Each structure stands twice: as C-alpha cells, then as structure tokens.
C-alpha cells in the first residue's frame, strides 16, 4: 500500500519538474534575448531574480494542480 503512494509521489514530482522545464523553455523562446546567457554570462541579478520568481510561481501552480 505504501509503495503505491511512493510511486505516485515520484511520478507526480517528475511530471511537475518536466512541466516546469517546458514552461521555462517556452518563456525562453518568447523572450527577445537569451535569458540563460544574460543570467550566466553577464551576471544579471535582476533577471535571475525574475526567473526564480517565475519558477516559484509556476511550481506553486503545478503543485496545486497535481495535489487537487
């Protein structure tokens, strides 16, 4: 019985991570410039904070949708 819940948790966690990555890739494609390059190469802290806030917001939405 517990194995069922552990398996469900792992599957939903992987699904949530996958959706988060897909959302970030979509935002990356929509943005006029390469966000990852700006964050890593140019050390743009404001853009890094914005990306982190986006990831937290999407994570909360995904977890609410999965949890029910």
N, C-alpha and C. Protein backbone atom coordinates (compact mmCIF):
# COMPACT_ATOMS: atom_id res chain seq x y z
N UNK A 1 0.83 -1.20 0.00
CA UNK A 1 0.00 0.00 0.00
C UNK A 1 0.87 1.26 0.00
N UNK A 2 1.94 1.30 0.78
CA UNK A 2 2.80 2.46 0.83
C UNK A 2 3.59 2.63 -0.46
N UNK A 3 3.90 1.52 -1.13
CA UNK A 3 4.62 1.60 -2.39
C UNK A 3 3.82 2.37 -3.44
N UNK A 4 2.51 2.23 -3.39
CA UNK A 4 1.63 2.94 -4.31
C UNK A 4 1.77 4.45 -4.12
N UNK A 5 1.82 4.90 -2.88
CA UNK A 5 1.94 6.33 -2.61
C UNK A 5 3.33 6.86 -2.96
N UNK A 6 4.34 6.08 -2.71
CA UNK A 6 5.71 6.48 -3.05
C UNK A 6 5.85 6.60 -4.56
N UNK A 7 5.33 5.62 -5.28
CA UNK A 7 5.38 5.65 -6.74
C UNK A 7 4.62 6.86 -7.29
N UNK A 8 3.45 7.12 -6.75
CA UNK A 8 2.67 8.27 -7.19
C UNK A 8 3.41 9.57 -6.92
N UNK A 9 4.06 9.68 -5.78
CA UNK A 9 4.83 10.89 -5.45
C UNK A 9 5.97 11.10 -6.42
N UNK A 10 6.67 10.03 -6.75
CA UNK A 10 7.79 10.13 -7.69
C UNK A 10 7.30 10.52 -9.08
N UNK A 11 6.23 9.88 -9.53
CA UNK A 11 5.70 10.18 -10.87
C UNK A 11 5.22 11.63 -10.93
N UNK A 12 4.48 12.08 -9.92
CA UNK A 12 3.99 13.46 -9.93
C UNK A 12 5.13 14.47 -9.80
N UNK A 13 6.17 14.13 -9.04
CA UNK A 13 7.32 15.02 -8.93
C UNK A 13 8.02 15.16 -10.28
N UNK A 14 8.25 14.06 -10.96
CA UNK A 14 8.89 14.11 -12.27
C UNK A 14 8.02 14.84 -13.29
N UNK A 15 6.72 14.63 -13.21
CA UNK A 15 5.80 15.34 -14.10
C UNK A 15 5.85 16.85 -13.85
N UNK A 16 5.87 17.23 -12.59
CA UNK A 16 5.94 18.65 -12.25
C UNK A 16 7.24 19.29 -12.71
N UNK A 17 8.36 18.59 -12.54
CA UNK A 17 9.65 19.11 -13.00
C UNK A 17 9.65 19.24 -14.51
N UNK A 18 9.10 18.25 -15.20
CA UNK A 18 9.03 18.30 -16.67
C UNK A 18 8.22 19.50 -17.13
N UNK A 19 7.07 19.72 -16.52
CA UNK A 19 6.22 20.85 -16.91
C UNK A 19 6.92 22.17 -16.63
N UNK A 20 7.63 22.26 -15.51
CA UNK A 20 8.37 23.48 -15.17
C UNK A 20 9.44 23.77 -16.21
N UNK A 21 10.18 22.75 -16.62
CA UNK A 21 11.23 22.94 -17.63
C UNK A 21 10.62 23.36 -18.96
N UNK A 22 9.52 22.74 -19.34
CA UNK A 22 8.86 23.10 -20.60
C UNK A 22 8.39 24.56 -20.55
N UNK A 23 7.83 24.98 -19.42
CA UNK A 23 7.39 26.37 -19.28
C UNK A 23 8.57 27.34 -19.39
N UNK A 24 9.70 26.99 -18.78
CA UNK A 24 10.87 27.86 -18.86
C UNK A 24 11.38 27.94 -20.30
N UNK A 25 11.37 26.82 -21.01
CA UNK A 25 11.81 26.83 -22.41
C UNK A 25 10.89 27.70 -23.25
N UNK A 26 9.59 27.63 -22.99
CA UNK A 26 8.64 28.47 -23.74
C UNK A 26 8.91 29.94 -23.47
N UNK A 27 9.12 30.29 -22.21
CA UNK A 27 9.43 31.69 -21.86
C UNK A 27 10.74 32.11 -22.51
N UNK A 28 11.70 31.20 -22.54
CA UNK A 28 13.00 31.48 -23.17
C UNK A 28 12.82 31.78 -24.66
N UNK A 29 11.94 31.05 -25.32
CA UNK A 29 11.69 31.27 -26.75
C UNK A 29 10.92 32.57 -27.00
N UNK A 30 10.02 32.92 -26.08
CA UNK A 30 9.22 34.14 -26.25
C UNK A 30 10.05 35.40 -26.00
N UNK A 31 10.99 35.31 -25.07
CA UNK A 31 11.79 36.48 -24.68
C UNK A 31 12.63 36.98 -25.86
N UNK A 32 12.81 38.28 -25.94
CA UNK A 32 13.56 38.83 -27.07
C UNK A 32 15.06 38.48 -27.04
N UNK A 33 15.59 38.20 -25.88
CA UNK A 33 17.01 37.84 -25.79
C UNK A 33 17.15 36.52 -25.04
N UNK A 34 18.33 35.94 -25.10
CA UNK A 34 18.62 34.68 -24.44
C UNK A 34 18.75 34.91 -22.93
N UNK A 35 17.73 34.50 -22.18
CA UNK A 35 17.73 34.75 -20.73
C UNK A 35 18.86 34.03 -20.02
N UNK A 36 19.08 32.77 -20.38
CA UNK A 36 20.10 31.98 -19.69
C UNK A 36 21.48 32.60 -19.90
N UNK A 37 21.77 33.08 -21.11
CA UNK A 37 23.06 33.72 -21.39
C UNK A 37 23.21 34.99 -20.56
N UNK A 38 22.14 35.77 -20.48
CA UNK A 38 22.20 37.00 -19.69
C UNK A 38 22.45 36.71 -18.21
N UNK A 39 21.80 35.66 -17.70
CA UNK A 39 21.95 35.33 -16.28
C UNK A 39 23.34 34.79 -15.99
N UNK A 40 23.81 33.86 -16.81
CA UNK A 40 25.08 33.18 -16.52
C UNK A 40 26.29 34.00 -16.95
N UNK A 41 26.29 34.46 -18.19
CA UNK A 41 27.48 35.15 -18.70
C UNK A 41 27.60 36.59 -18.22
N UNK A 42 26.48 37.31 -18.22
CA UNK A 42 26.52 38.72 -17.86
C UNK A 42 26.21 38.98 -16.39
N UNK A 43 25.91 37.90 -15.62
CA UNK A 43 25.63 38.01 -14.18
C UNK A 43 24.52 39.01 -13.88
N UNK A 44 23.44 38.96 -14.64
CA UNK A 44 22.31 39.85 -14.46
C UNK A 44 21.46 39.35 -13.28
N UNK A 45 21.65 39.97 -12.13
CA UNK A 45 20.99 39.53 -10.91
C UNK A 45 19.48 39.78 -10.97
N UNK A 46 19.07 40.91 -11.52
CA UNK A 46 17.65 41.22 -11.61
C UNK A 46 16.91 40.18 -12.47
N UNK A 47 17.51 39.78 -13.55
CA UNK A 47 16.90 38.77 -14.41
C UNK A 47 16.88 37.41 -13.73
N UNK A 48 17.91 37.12 -12.95
CA UNK A 48 17.94 35.85 -12.20
C UNK A 48 16.83 35.82 -11.16
N UNK A 49 16.60 36.94 -10.49
CA UNK A 49 15.51 37.02 -9.51
C UNK A 49 14.16 36.86 -10.20
N UNK A 50 14.00 37.48 -11.37
CA UNK A 50 12.77 37.35 -12.13
C UNK A 50 12.53 35.90 -12.56
N UNK A 51 13.58 35.22 -13.02
CA UNK A 51 13.46 33.82 -13.42
C UNK A 51 13.12 32.94 -12.22
N UNK A 52 13.72 33.23 -11.08
CA UNK A 52 13.42 32.46 -9.87
C UNK A 52 11.97 32.66 -9.44
N UNK A 53 11.50 33.89 -9.51
CA UNK A 53 10.11 34.17 -9.16
C UNK A 53 9.15 33.46 -10.11
N UNK A 54 9.50 33.44 -11.39
CA UNK A 54 8.68 32.71 -12.36
C UNK A 54 8.64 31.23 -12.02
N UNK A 55 9.78 30.65 -11.71
CA UNK A 55 9.83 29.22 -11.39
C UNK A 55 9.05 28.90 -10.12
N UNK A 56 9.13 29.76 -9.12
CA UNK A 56 8.38 29.54 -7.88
C UNK A 56 6.87 29.63 -8.16
N UNK A 57 6.47 30.62 -8.94
CA UNK A 57 5.05 30.79 -9.25
C UNK A 57 4.51 29.60 -10.04
N UNK A 58 5.25 29.16 -11.05
CA UNK A 58 4.79 28.01 -11.85
C UNK A 58 4.80 26.75 -11.00
N UNK A 59 5.77 26.62 -10.13
CA UNK A 59 5.82 25.44 -9.23
C UNK A 59 4.62 25.38 -8.31
N UNK A 60 4.21 26.51 -7.80
CA UNK A 60 3.02 26.55 -6.93
C UNK A 60 1.78 26.17 -7.72
N UNK A 61 1.67 26.68 -8.94
CA UNK A 61 0.52 26.33 -9.78
C UNK A 61 0.51 24.84 -10.10
N UNK A 62 1.67 24.29 -10.46
CA UNK A 62 1.75 22.88 -10.81
C UNK A 62 1.42 22.00 -9.59
N UNK A 63 1.98 22.36 -8.43
CA UNK A 63 1.72 21.55 -7.24
C UNK A 63 0.24 21.61 -6.85
N UNK A 64 -0.38 22.77 -7.01
CA UNK A 64 -1.82 22.87 -6.71
C UNK A 64 -2.65 22.04 -7.68
N UNK A 65 -2.24 22.05 -8.95
CA UNK A 65 -2.98 21.27 -9.95
C UNK A 65 -2.81 19.77 -9.71
N UNK A 66 -1.62 19.35 -9.33
CA UNK A 66 -1.38 17.93 -9.09
C UNK A 66 -2.04 17.47 -7.80
N UNK A 67 -1.95 18.30 -6.77
CA UNK A 67 -2.50 17.93 -5.47
C UNK A 67 -4.02 17.87 -5.50
N UNK A 68 -4.60 18.79 -6.24
CA UNK A 68 -6.07 18.76 -6.39
C UNK A 68 -6.76 19.74 -5.60
